[in-house]
Amino acid sequence: APVRGRNHEYAVITQERTSAARSGAYRGLAPAWHVTLATVTRVS
């Protein structure tokens, strides 16, 4: 979604899950929500 008052800036919502085949570090970790701000610009 575009961020109000910001030209060409967008809020991005993602749902992500991390795992590891040879480590227990992420075992049982539930998917997590993340917010990122992304700005775009036009090129030739």
PDB file of all heavy atoms in Angstrom:
ATOM      1  N   ALA A   1       0.843  -1.197   0.000  1.00  0.00           N
ATOM      2  CA  ALA A   1       0.000   0.000   0.000  1.00  0.00           C
ATOM      3  C   ALA A   1       0.878   1.246   0.000  1.00  0.00           C
ATOM      4  O   ALA A   1       1.922   1.274   0.660  1.00  0.00           O
ATOM      5  CB  ALA A   1      -0.907   0.011   1.222  1.00  0.00           C
ATOM      6  N   PRO A   2       0.469   2.291  -0.740  1.00  0.00           N
ATOM      7  CA  PRO A   2       1.245   3.535  -0.721  1.00  0.00           C
ATOM      8  C   PRO A   2       1.185   4.177   0.661  1.00  0.00           C
ATOM      9  O   PRO A   2       0.164   4.098   1.352  1.00  0.00           O
ATOM     10  CB  PRO A   2       0.544   4.407  -1.775  1.00  0.00           C
ATOM     11  CG  PRO A   2      -0.820   3.821  -1.917  1.00  0.00           C
ATOM     12  CD  PRO A   2      -0.705   2.357  -1.617  1.00  0.00           C
ATOM     13  N   VAL A   3       2.279   4.786   1.073  1.00  0.00           N
ATOM     14  CA  VAL A   3       2.334   5.483   2.360  1.00  0.00           C
ATOM     15  C   VAL A   3       1.817   6.899   2.147  1.00  0.00           C
ATOM     16  O   VAL A   3       2.317   7.623   1.284  1.00  0.00           O
ATOM     17  CB  VAL A   3       3.775   5.499   2.914  1.00  0.00           C
ATOM     18  CG1 VAL A   3       3.834   6.297   4.210  1.00  0.00           C
ATOM     19  CG2 VAL A   3       4.277   4.076   3.144  1.00  0.00           C
ATOM     20  N   ARG A   4       0.838   7.295   2.927  1.00  0.00           N
ATOM     21  CA  ARG A   4       0.250   8.630   2.776  1.00  0.00           C
ATOM     22  C   ARG A   4       1.292   9.714   2.972  1.00  0.00           C
ATOM     23  O   ARG A   4       2.089   9.678   3.908  1.00  0.00           O
ATOM     24  CB  ARG A   4      -0.874   8.823   3.793  1.00  0.00           C
ATOM     25  CG  ARG A   4      -2.166   8.145   3.419  1.00  0.00           C
ATOM     26  CD  ARG A   4      -3.305   8.636   4.288  1.00  0.00           C
ATOM     27  NE  ARG A   4      -2.960   8.543   5.707  1.00  0.00           N
ATOM     28  CZ  ARG A   4      -3.526   7.691   6.543  1.00  0.00           C
ATOM     29  NH1 ARG A   4      -4.444   6.849   6.113  1.00  0.00           N
ATOM     30  NH2 ARG A   4      -3.178   7.671   7.796  1.00  0.00           N
ATOM     31  N   GLY A   5       1.281  10.695   2.078  1.00  0.00           N
ATOM     32  CA  GLY A   5       2.182  11.831   2.211  1.00  0.00           C
ATOM     33  C   GLY A   5       3.592  11.564   1.733  1.00  0.00           C
ATOM     34  O   GLY A   5       4.457  12.427   1.864  1.00  0.00           O
ATOM     35  N   ARG A   6       3.848  10.376   1.191  1.00  0.00           N
ATOM     36  CA  ARG A   6       5.190  10.028   0.713  1.00  0.00           C
ATOM     37  C   ARG A   6       5.106   9.631  -0.751  1.00  0.00           C
ATOM     38  O   ARG A   6       4.358   8.723  -1.111  1.00  0.00           O
ATOM     39  CB  ARG A   6       5.758   8.856   1.512  1.00  0.00           C
ATOM     40  CG  ARG A   6       5.901   9.128   3.000  1.00  0.00           C
ATOM     41  CD  ARG A   6       7.081  10.027   3.262  1.00  0.00           C
ATOM     42  NE  ARG A   6       7.281  10.224   4.675  1.00  0.00           N
ATOM     43  CZ  ARG A   6       8.465  10.216   5.262  1.00  0.00           C
ATOM     44  NH1 ARG A   6       9.549  10.010   4.547  1.00  0.00           N
ATOM     45  NH2 ARG A   6       8.559  10.438   6.559  1.00  0.00           N
ATOM     46  N   ASN A   7       5.860  10.315  -1.597  1.00  0.00           N
ATOM     47  CA  ASN A   7       5.836  10.011  -3.026  1.00  0.00           C
ATOM     48  C   ASN A   7       6.595   8.730  -3.333  1.00  0.00           C
ATOM     49  O   ASN A   7       7.758   8.586  -2.960  1.00  0.00           O
ATOM     50  CB  ASN A   7       6.447  11.165  -3.819  1.00  0.00           C
ATOM     51  CG  ASN A   7       5.527  12.368  -3.843  1.00  0.00           C
ATOM     52  OD1 ASN A   7       4.371  12.257  -4.233  1.00  0.00           O
ATOM     53  ND2 ASN A   7       6.027  13.503  -3.397  1.00  0.00           N
ATOM     54  N   HIS A   8       5.926   7.802  -3.975  1.00  0.00           N
ATOM     55  CA  HIS A   8       6.533   6.561  -4.446  1.00  0.00           C
ATOM     56  C   HIS A   8       7.123   5.716  -3.314  1.00  0.00           C
ATOM     57  O   HIS A   8       8.080   4.984  -3.520  1.00  0.00           O
ATOM     58  CB  HIS A   8       7.594   6.861  -5.508  1.00  0.00           C
ATOM     59  CG  HIS A   8       7.057   7.664  -6.647  1.00  0.00           C
ATOM     60  ND1 HIS A   8       6.011   7.233  -7.425  1.00  0.00           N
ATOM     61  CD2 HIS A   8       7.396   8.898  -7.116  1.00  0.00           C
ATOM     62  CE1 HIS A   8       5.733   8.151  -8.338  1.00  0.00           C
ATOM     63  NE2 HIS A   8       6.539   9.173  -8.165  1.00  0.00           N
ATOM     64  N   GLU A   9       6.555   5.833  -2.129  1.00  0.00           N
ATOM     65  CA  GLU A   9       6.956   4.997  -0.995  1.00  0.00           C
ATOM     66  C   GLU A   9       5.797   4.066  -0.647  1.00  0.00           C
ATOM     67  O   GLU A   9       4.641   4.488  -0.601  1.00  0.00           O
ATOM     68  CB  GLU A   9       7.329   5.843   0.216  1.00  0.00           C
ATOM     69  CG  GLU A   9       7.862   5.010   1.384  1.00  0.00           C
ATOM     70  CD  GLU A   9       8.381   5.870   2.527  1.00  0.00           C
ATOM     71  OE1 GLU A   9       8.744   7.042   2.297  1.00  0.00           O
ATOM     72  OE2 GLU A   9       8.406   5.358   3.651  1.00  0.00           O
ATOM     73  N   TYR A  10       6.125   2.799  -0.409  1.00  0.00           N
ATOM     74  CA  TYR A  10       5.105   1.782  -0.161  1.00  0.00           C
ATOM     75  C   TYR A  10       5.413   1.006   1.115  1.00  0.00           C
ATOM     76  O   TYR A  10       6.580   0.743   1.430  1.00  0.00           O
ATOM     77  CB  TYR A  10       5.032   0.800  -1.336  1.00  0.00           C
ATOM     78  CG  TYR A  10       4.571   1.447  -2.613  1.00  0.00           C
ATOM     79  CD1 TYR A  10       5.476   2.122  -3.435  1.00  0.00           C
ATOM     80  CD2 TYR A  10       3.228   1.413  -2.985  1.00  0.00           C
ATOM     81  CE1 TYR A  10       5.056   2.750  -4.605  1.00  0.00           C
ATOM     82  CE2 TYR A  10       2.795   2.031  -4.152  1.00  0.00           C
ATOM     83  CZ  TYR A  10       3.718   2.695  -4.949  1.00  0.00           C
ATOM     84  OH  TYR A  10       3.298   3.323  -6.105  1.00  0.00           O
ATOM     85  N   ALA A  11       4.342   0.653   1.828  1.00  0.00           N
ATOM     86  CA  ALA A  11       4.461  -0.259   2.964  1.00  0.00           C
ATOM     87  C   ALA A  11       4.178  -1.658   2.441  1.00  0.00           C
ATOM     88  O   ALA A  11       3.193  -1.878   1.732  1.00  0.00           O
ATOM     89  CB  ALA A  11       3.462   0.116   4.056  1.00  0.00           C
ATOM     90  N   VAL A  12       5.054  -2.588   2.767  1.00  0.00           N
ATOM     91  CA  VAL A  12       4.922  -3.960   2.293  1.00  0.00           C
ATOM     92  C   VAL A  12       4.754  -4.870   3.504  1.00  0.00           C
ATOM     93  O   VAL A  12       5.570  -4.826   4.433  1.00  0.00           O
ATOM     94  CB  VAL A  12       6.172  -4.405   1.495  1.00  0.00           C
ATOM     95  CG1 VAL A  12       5.926  -5.759   0.844  1.00  0.00           C
ATOM     96  CG2 VAL A  12       6.556  -3.366   0.461  1.00  0.00           C
ATOM     97  N   ILE A  13       3.720  -5.679   3.487  1.00  0.00           N
ATOM     98  CA  ILE A  13       3.469  -6.634   4.568  1.00  0.00           C
ATOM     99  C   ILE A  13       3.786  -8.033   4.055  1.00  0.00           C
ATOM    100  O   ILE A  13       3.262  -8.455   3.022  1.00  0.00           O
ATOM    101  CB  ILE A  13       1.998  -6.600   5.027  1.00  0.00           C
ATOM    102  CG1 ILE A  13       1.525  -5.163   5.260  1.00  0.00           C
ATOM    103  CG2 ILE A  13       1.809  -7.471   6.273  1.00  0.00           C
ATOM    104  CD1 ILE A  13       2.289  -4.410   6.293  1.00  0.00           C
ATOM    105  N   THR A  14       4.646  -8.744   4.756  1.00  0.00           N
ATOM    106  CA  THR A  14       4.984 -10.113   4.378  1.00  0.00           C
ATOM    107  C   THR A  14       4.766 -11.055   5.551  1.00  0.00           C
ATOM    108  O   THR A  14       4.805 -10.645   6.709  1.00  0.00           O
ATOM    109  CB  THR A  14       6.450 -10.235   3.912  1.00  0.00           C
ATOM    110  OG1 THR A  14       7.321  -9.834   4.995  1.00  0.00           O
ATOM    111  CG2 THR A  14       6.724  -9.368   2.698  1.00  0.00           C
ATOM    112  N   GLN A  15       4.535 -12.318   5.222  1.00  0.00           N
ATOM    113  CA  GLN A  15       4.503 -13.372   6.242  1.00  0.00           C
ATOM    114  C   GLN A  15       5.602 -14.351   5.867  1.00  0.00           C
ATOM    115  O   GLN A  15       5.637 -14.860   4.738  1.00  0.00           O
ATOM    116  CB  GLN A  15       3.154 -14.075   6.304  1.00  0.00           C
ATOM    117  CG  GLN A  15       3.073 -15.061   7.470  1.00  0.00           C
ATOM    118  CD  GLN A  15       1.717 -15.730   7.552  1.00  0.00           C
ATOM    119  OE1 GLN A  15       1.174 -16.143   6.536  1.00  0.00           O
ATOM    120  NE2 GLN A  15       1.178 -15.846   8.751  1.00  0.00           N
ATOM    121  N   GLU A  16       6.514 -14.605   6.815  1.00  0.00           N
ATOM    122  CA  GLU A  16       7.698 -15.408   6.513  1.00  0.00           C
ATOM    123  C   GLU A  16       7.950 -16.484   7.558  1.00  0.00           C
ATOM    124  O   GLU A  16       7.589 -16.340   8.725  1.00  0.00           O
ATOM    125  CB  GLU A  16       8.931 -14.499   6.433  1.00  0.00           C
ATOM    126  CG  GLU A  16       8.792 -13.382   5.421  1.00  0.00           C
ATOM    127  CD  GLU A  16       9.894 -12.355   5.551  1.00  0.00           C
ATOM    128  OE1 GLU A  16      11.067 -12.760   5.732  1.00  0.00           O
ATOM    129  OE2 GLU A  16       9.603 -11.149   5.486  1.00  0.00           O
ATOM    130  N   ARG A  17       8.615 -17.532   7.096  1.00  0.00           N
ATOM    131  CA  ARG A  17       8.993 -18.628   7.997  1.00  0.00           C
ATOM    132  C   ARG A  17      10.436 -19.011   7.717  1.00  0.00           C
ATOM    133  O   ARG A  17      10.834 -19.166   6.556  1.00  0.00           O
ATOM    134  CB  ARG A  17       8.081 -19.817   7.783  1.00  0.00           C
ATOM    135  CG  ARG A  17       8.412 -20.961   8.729  1.00  0.00           C
ATOM    136  CD  ARG A  17       7.434 -22.102   8.579  1.00  0.00           C
ATOM    137  NE  ARG A  17       7.432 -22.894   9.814  1.00  0.00           N
ATOM    138  CZ  ARG A  17       6.360 -23.352  10.397  1.00  0.00           C
ATOM    139  NH1 ARG A  17       5.173 -23.094   9.885  1.00  0.00           N
ATOM    140  NH2 ARG A  17       6.434 -24.068  11.484  1.00  0.00           N
ATOM    141  N   THR A  18      11.218 -19.172   8.782  1.00  0.00           N
ATOM    142  CA  THR A  18      12.621 -19.560   8.661  1.00  0.00           C
ATOM    143  C   THR A  18      12.812 -20.943   9.258  1.00  0.00           C
ATOM    144  O   THR A  18      12.253 -21.262  10.310  1.00  0.00           O
ATOM    145  CB  THR A  18      13.538 -18.554   9.390  1.00  0.00           C
ATOM    146  OG1 THR A  18      13.256 -17.240   8.910  1.00  0.00           O
ATOM    147  CG2 THR A  18      14.999 -18.872   9.144  1.00  0.00           C
ATOM    148  N   SER A  19      13.599 -21.763   8.583  1.00  0.00           N
ATOM    149  CA  SER A  19      13.912 -23.105   9.085  1.00  0.00           C
ATOM    150  C   SER A  19      15.367 -23.415   8.781  1.00  0.00           C
ATOM    151  O   SER A  19      16.024 -22.695   8.031  1.00  0.00           O
ATOM    152  CB  SER A  19      12.994 -24.150   8.432  1.00  0.00           C
ATOM    153  OG  SER A  19      13.165 -24.136   7.027  1.00  0.00           O
ATOM    154  N   ALA A  20      15.857 -24.476   9.375  1.00  0.00           N
ATOM    155  CA  ALA A  20      17.246 -24.883   9.145  1.00  0.00           C
ATOM    156  C   ALA A  20      17.322 -26.400   9.137  1.00  0.00           C
ATOM    157  O   ALA A  20      16.874 -27.061  10.083  1.00  0.00           O
ATOM    158  CB  ALA A  20      18.165 -24.313  10.226  1.00  0.00           C
ATOM    159  N   ALA A  21      17.885 -26.958   8.076  1.00  0.00           N
ATOM    160  CA  ALA A  21      17.951 -28.414   7.936  1.00  0.00           C
ATOM    161  C   ALA A  21      18.927 -29.044   8.914  1.00  0.00           C
ATOM    162  O   ALA A  21      18.732 -30.172   9.351  1.00  0.00           O
ATOM    163  CB  ALA A  21      18.332 -28.778   6.499  1.00  0.00           C
ATOM    164  N   ARG A  22      19.981 -28.307   9.274  1.00  0.00           N
ATOM    165  CA  ARG A  22      21.030 -28.887  10.123  1.00  0.00           C
ATOM    166  C   ARG A  22      21.232 -28.120  11.419  1.00  0.00           C
ATOM    167  O   ARG A  22      22.325 -28.103  11.970  1.00  0.00           O
ATOM    168  CB  ARG A  22      22.335 -28.941   9.326  1.00  0.00           C
ATOM    169  CG  ARG A  22      22.222 -29.801   8.064  1.00  0.00           C
ATOM    170  CD  ARG A  22      23.506 -29.786   7.274  1.00  0.00           C
ATOM    171  NE  ARG A  22      24.628 -30.302   8.040  1.00  0.00           N
ATOM    172  CZ  ARG A  22      25.905 -30.209   7.660  1.00  0.00           C
ATOM    173  NH1 ARG A  22      26.203 -29.632   6.508  1.00  0.00           N
ATOM    174  NH2 ARG A  22      26.868 -30.700   8.397  1.00  0.00           N
ATOM    175  N   SER A  23      20.179 -27.483  11.896  1.00  0.00           N
ATOM    176  CA  SER A  23      20.266 -26.732  13.150  1.00  0.00           C
ATOM    177  C   SER A  23      18.894 -26.713  13.808  1.00  0.00           C
ATOM    178  O   SER A  23      17.873 -26.706  13.123  1.00  0.00           O
ATOM    179  CB  SER A  23      20.740 -25.297  12.877  1.00  0.00           C
ATOM    180  OG  SER A  23      20.578 -24.486  14.022  1.00  0.00           O
ATOM    181  N   GLY A  24      18.904 -26.694  15.131  1.00  0.00           N
ATOM    182  CA  GLY A  24      17.638 -26.622  15.855  1.00  0.00           C
ATOM    183  C   GLY A  24      17.259 -25.193  16.204  1.00  0.00           C
ATOM    184  O   GLY A  24      16.277 -24.958  16.903  1.00  0.00           O
ATOM    185  N   ALA A  25      18.014 -24.224  15.703  1.00  0.00           N
ATOM    186  CA  ALA A  25      17.810 -22.823  16.080  1.00  0.00           C
ATOM    187  C   ALA A  25      16.421 -22.311  15.747  1.00  0.00           C
ATOM    188  O   ALA A  25      15.885 -21.456  16.449  1.00  0.00           O
ATOM    189  CB  ALA A  25      18.869 -21.957  15.406  1.00  0.00           C
ATOM    190  N   TYR A  26      15.825 -22.799  14.676  1.00  0.00           N
ATOM    191  CA  TYR A  26      14.522 -22.288  14.250  1.00  0.00           C
ATOM    192  C   TYR A  26      13.391 -23.295  14.472  1.00  0.00           C
ATOM    193  O   TYR A  26      12.281 -23.069  14.022  1.00  0.00           O
ATOM    194  CB  TYR A  26      14.577 -21.908  12.769  1.00  0.00           C
ATOM    195  CG  TYR A  26      15.617 -20.857  12.475  1.00  0.00           C
ATOM    196  CD1 TYR A  26      16.874 -21.218  11.984  1.00  0.00           C
ATOM    197  CD2 TYR A  26      15.355 -19.518  12.694  1.00  0.00           C
ATOM    198  CE1 TYR A  26      17.829 -20.261  11.720  1.00  0.00           C
ATOM    199  CE2 TYR A  26      16.301 -18.546  12.430  1.00  0.00           C
ATOM    200  CZ  TYR A  26      17.543 -18.926  11.946  1.00  0.00           C
ATOM    201  OH  TYR A  26      18.498 -17.971  11.693  1.00  0.00           O
ATOM    202  N   ARG A  27      13.696 -24.390  15.180  1.00  0.00           N
ATOM    203  CA  ARG A  27      12.697 -25.434  15.374  1.00  0.00           C
ATOM    204  C   ARG A  27      11.490 -24.892  16.139  1.00  0.00           C
ATOM    205  O   ARG A  27      11.635 -24.247  17.177  1.00  0.00           O
ATOM    206  CB  ARG A  27      13.311 -26.614  16.124  1.00  0.00           C
ATOM    207  CG  ARG A  27      12.391 -27.829  16.185  1.00  0.00           C
ATOM    208  CD  ARG A  27      13.132 -29.051  16.706  1.00  0.00           C
ATOM    209  NE  ARG A  27      14.212 -29.434  15.810  1.00  0.00           N
ATOM    210  CZ  ARG A  27      15.456 -29.674  16.205  1.00  0.00           C
ATOM    211  NH1 ARG A  27      15.780 -29.572  17.474  1.00  0.00           N
ATOM    212  NH2 ARG A  27      16.383 -30.010  15.327  1.00  0.00           N
ATOM    213  N   GLY A  28      10.295 -25.137  15.621  1.00  0.00           N
ATOM    214  CA  GLY A  28       9.084 -24.698  16.294  1.00  0.00           C
ATOM    215  C   GLY A  28       8.753 -23.230  16.099  1.00  0.00           C
ATOM    216  O   GLY A  28       7.764 -22.738  16.648  1.00  0.00           O
ATOM    217  N   LEU A  29       9.553 -22.526  15.309  1.00  0.00           N
ATOM    218  CA  LEU A  29       9.317 -21.100  15.089  1.00  0.00           C
ATOM    219  C   LEU A  29       8.111 -20.910  14.173  1.00  0.00           C
ATOM    220  O   LEU A  29       8.054 -21.472  13.080  1.00  0.00           O
ATOM    221  CB  LEU A  29      10.559 -20.468  14.452  1.00  0.00           C
ATOM    222  CG  LEU A  29      10.607 -18.946  14.360  1.00  0.00           C
ATOM    223  CD1 LEU A  29      10.652 -18.337  15.753  1.00  0.00           C
ATOM    224  CD2 LEU A  29      11.811 -18.504  13.556  1.00  0.00           C
ATOM    225  N   ALA A  30       7.145 -20.139  14.627  1.00  0.00           N
ATOM    226  CA  ALA A  30       5.935 -19.892  13.838  1.00  0.00           C
ATOM    227  C   ALA A  30       6.210 -18.852  12.755  1.00  0.00           C
ATOM    228  O   ALA A  30       7.134 -18.048  12.879  1.00  0.00           O
ATOM    229  CB  ALA A  30       4.815 -19.402  14.753  1.00  0.00           C
ATOM    230  N   PRO A  31       5.429 -18.859  11.692  1.00  0.00           N
ATOM    231  CA  PRO A  31       5.566 -17.810  10.678  1.00  0.00           C
ATOM    232  C   PRO A  31       5.398 -16.435  11.327  1.00  0.00           C
ATOM    233  O   PRO A  31       4.612 -16.276  12.262  1.00  0.00           O
ATOM    234  CB  PRO A  31       4.428 -18.106   9.695  1.00  0.00           C
ATOM    235  CG  PRO A  31       4.149 -19.560   9.877  1.00  0.00           C
ATOM    236  CD  PRO A  31       4.394 -19.840  11.340  1.00  0.00           C
ATOM    237  N   ALA A  32       6.147 -15.467  10.837  1.00  0.00           N
ATOM    238  CA  ALA A  32       6.112 -14.126  11.426  1.00  0.00           C
ATOM    239  C   ALA A  32       5.721 -13.084  10.382  1.00  0.00           C
ATOM    240  O   ALA A  32       5.998 -13.238   9.193  1.00  0.00           O
ATOM    241  CB  ALA A  32       7.492 -13.787  12.015  1.00  0.00           C
ATOM    242  N   TRP A  33       5.061 -12.019  10.862  1.00  0.00           N
ATOM    243  CA  TRP A  33       4.671 -10.908  10.005  1.00  0.00           C
ATOM    244  C   TRP A  33       5.749  -9.841  10.037  1.00  0.00           C
ATOM    245  O   TRP A  33       6.335  -9.571  11.085  1.00  0.00           O
ATOM    246  CB  TRP A  33       3.348 -10.316  10.483  1.00  0.00           C
ATOM    247  CG  TRP A  33       2.193 -11.245  10.334  1.00  0.00           C
ATOM    248  CD1 TRP A  33       1.764 -12.172  11.244  1.00  0.00           C
ATOM    249  CD2 TRP A  33       1.322 -11.361   9.210  1.00  0.00           C
ATOM    250  NE1 TRP A  33       0.677 -12.860  10.747  1.00  0.00           N
ATOM    251  CE2 TRP A  33       0.375 -12.373   9.502  1.00  0.00           C
ATOM    252  CE3 TRP A  33       1.238 -10.697   7.981  1.00  0.00           C
ATOM    253  CZ2 TRP A  33      -0.629 -12.739   8.623  1.00  0.00           C
ATOM    254  CZ3 TRP A  33       0.237 -11.060   7.099  1.00  0.00           C
ATOM    255  CH2 TRP A  33      -0.679 -12.066   7.421  1.00  0.00           C
ATOM    256  N   HIS A  34       5.994  -9.223   8.892  1.00  0.00           N
ATOM    257  CA  HIS A  34       7.009  -8.166   8.811  1.00  0.00           C
ATOM    258  C   HIS A  34       6.500  -6.997   7.979  1.00  0.00           C
ATOM    259  O   HIS A  34       5.717  -7.184   7.045  1.00  0.00           O
ATOM    260  CB  HIS A  34       8.298  -8.710   8.193  1.00  0.00           C
ATOM    261  CG  HIS A  34       8.881  -9.849   8.967  1.00  0.00           C
ATOM    262  ND1 HIS A  34       9.545  -9.686  10.160  1.00  0.00           N
ATOM    263  CD2 HIS A  34       8.862 -11.183   8.733  1.00  0.00           C
ATOM    264  CE1 HIS A  34       9.930 -10.874  10.619  1.00  0.00           C
ATOM    265  NE2 HIS A  34       9.518 -11.792   9.777  1.00  0.00           N
ATOM    266  N   VAL A  35       6.952  -5.802   8.352  1.00  0.00           N
ATOM    267  CA  VAL A  35       6.627  -4.581   7.611  1.00  0.00           C
ATOM    268  C   VAL A  35       7.922  -3.990   7.073  1.00  0.00           C
ATOM    269  O   VAL A  35       8.905  -3.855   7.798  1.00  0.00           O
ATOM    270  CB  VAL A  35       5.938  -3.535   8.516  1.00  0.00           C
ATOM    271  CG1 VAL A  35       5.625  -2.259   7.721  1.00  0.00           C
ATOM    272  CG2 VAL A  35       4.677  -4.099   9.140  1.00  0.00           C
ATOM    273  N   THR A  36       7.930  -3.660   5.801  1.00  0.00           N
ATOM    274  CA  THR A  36       9.088  -3.027   5.169  1.00  0.00           C
ATOM    275  C   THR A  36       8.616  -1.811   4.393  1.00  0.00           C
ATOM    276  O   THR A  36       7.537  -1.820   3.801  1.00  0.00           O
ATOM    277  CB  THR A  36       9.798  -4.004   4.208  1.00  0.00           C
ATOM    278  OG1 THR A  36      10.235  -5.143   4.954  1.00  0.00           O
ATOM    279  CG2 THR A  36      11.011  -3.348   3.557  1.00  0.00           C
ATOM    280  N   LEU A  37       9.423  -0.744   4.396  1.00  0.00           N
ATOM    281  CA  LEU A  37       9.142   0.435   3.583  1.00  0.00           C
ATOM    282  C   LEU A  37      10.029   0.382   2.351  1.00  0.00           C
ATOM    283  O   LEU A  37      11.238   0.190   2.454  1.00  0.00           O
ATOM    284  CB  LEU A  37       9.413   1.711   4.372  1.00  0.00           C
ATOM    285  CG  LEU A  37       8.509   1.930   5.591  1.00  0.00           C
ATOM    286  CD1 LEU A  37       8.905   3.204   6.317  1.00  0.00           C
ATOM    287  CD2 LEU A  37       7.041   1.984   5.180  1.00  0.00           C
ATOM    288  N   ALA A  38       9.426   0.517   1.188  1.00  0.00           N
ATOM    289  CA  ALA A  38      10.161   0.459  -0.073  1.00  0.00           C
ATOM    290  C   ALA A  38       9.851   1.702  -0.895  1.00  0.00           C
ATOM    291  O   ALA A  38       8.693   2.086  -1.040  1.00  0.00           O
ATOM    292  CB  ALA A  38       9.764  -0.793  -0.852  1.00  0.00           C
ATOM    293  N   THR A  39      10.910   2.329  -1.414  1.00  0.00           N
ATOM    294  CA  THR A  39      10.749   3.505  -2.269  1.00  0.00           C
ATOM    295  C   THR A  39      11.234   3.154  -3.659  1.00  0.00           C
ATOM    296  O   THR A  39      12.267   2.496  -3.818  1.00  0.00           O
ATOM    297  CB  THR A  39      11.553   4.696  -1.716  1.00  0.00           C
ATOM    298  OG1 THR A  39      11.133   4.958  -0.371  1.00  0.00           O
ATOM    299  CG2 THR A  39      11.345   5.946  -2.567  1.00  0.00           C
ATOM    300  N   VAL A  40      10.489   3.585  -4.661  1.00  0.00           N
ATOM    301  CA  VAL A  40      10.863   3.300  -6.045  1.00  0.00           C
ATOM    302  C   VAL A  40      11.190   4.589  -6.783  1.00  0.00           C
ATOM    303  O   VAL A  40      10.769   5.675  -6.383  1.00  0.00           O
ATOM    304  CB  VAL A  40       9.739   2.546  -6.792  1.00  0.00           C
ATOM    305  CG1 VAL A  40       9.505   1.182  -6.185  1.00  0.00           C
ATOM    306  CG2 VAL A  40       8.447   3.362  -6.798  1.00  0.00           C
ATOM    307  N   THR A  41      11.953   4.451  -7.854  1.00  0.00           N
ATOM    308  CA  THR A  41      12.263   5.585  -8.712  1.00  0.00           C
ATOM    309  C   THR A  41      12.242   5.123 -10.157  1.00  0.00           C
ATOM    310  O   THR A  41      12.466   3.946 -10.445  1.00  0.00           O
ATOM    311  CB  THR A  41      13.637   6.202  -8.351  1.00  0.00           C
ATOM    312  OG1 THR A  41      13.787   7.461  -8.996  1.00  0.00           O
ATOM    313  CG2 THR A  41      14.784   5.285  -8.751  1.00  0.00           C
ATOM    314  N   ARG A  42      11.968   6.039 -11.046  1.00  0.00           N
ATOM    315  CA  ARG A  42      11.881   5.696 -12.469  1.00  0.00           C
ATOM    316  C   ARG A  42      13.250   5.855 -13.115  1.00  0.00           C
ATOM    317  O   ARG A  42      13.985   6.797 -12.827  1.00  0.00           O
ATOM    318  CB  ARG A  42      10.862   6.596 -13.169  1.00  0.00           C
ATOM    319  CG  ARG A  42      10.656   6.263 -14.625  1.00  0.00           C
ATOM    320  CD  ARG A  42       9.532   7.089 -15.216  1.00  0.00           C
ATOM    321  NE  ARG A  42       8.235   6.523 -14.878  1.00  0.00           N
ATOM    322  CZ  ARG A  42       7.085   7.150 -15.108  1.00  0.00           C
ATOM    323  NH1 ARG A  42       7.060   8.349 -15.620  1.00  0.00           N
ATOM    324  NH2 ARG A  42       5.945   6.553 -14.802  1.00  0.00           N
ATOM    325  N   VAL A  43      13.583   4.917 -14.010  1.00  0.00           N
ATOM    326  CA  VAL A  43      14.838   4.971 -14.744  1.00  0.00           C
ATOM    327  C   VAL A  43      14.523   5.116 -16.229  1.00  0.00           C
ATOM    328  O   VAL A  43      13.364   5.121 -16.630  1.00  0.00           O
ATOM    329  CB  VAL A  43      15.706   3.713 -14.487  1.00  0.00           C
ATOM    330  CG1 VAL A  43      16.123   3.632 -13.025  1.00  0.00           C
ATOM    331  CG2 VAL A  43      14.969   2.452 -14.905  1.00  0.00           C
ATOM    332  N   SER A  44      15.562   5.254 -17.025  1.00  0.00           N
ATOM    333  CA  SER A  44      15.345   5.441 -18.453  1.00  0.00           C
ATOM    334  C   SER A  44      14.571   4.276 -19.035  1.00  0.00           C
ATOM    335  O   SER A  44      14.687   3.149 -18.583  1.00  0.00           O
ATOM    336  CB  SER A  44      16.686   5.590 -19.181  1.00  0.00           C
ATOM    337  OG  SER A  44      17.464   4.429 -19.031  1.00  0.00           O
TER     338      SER A  44
END
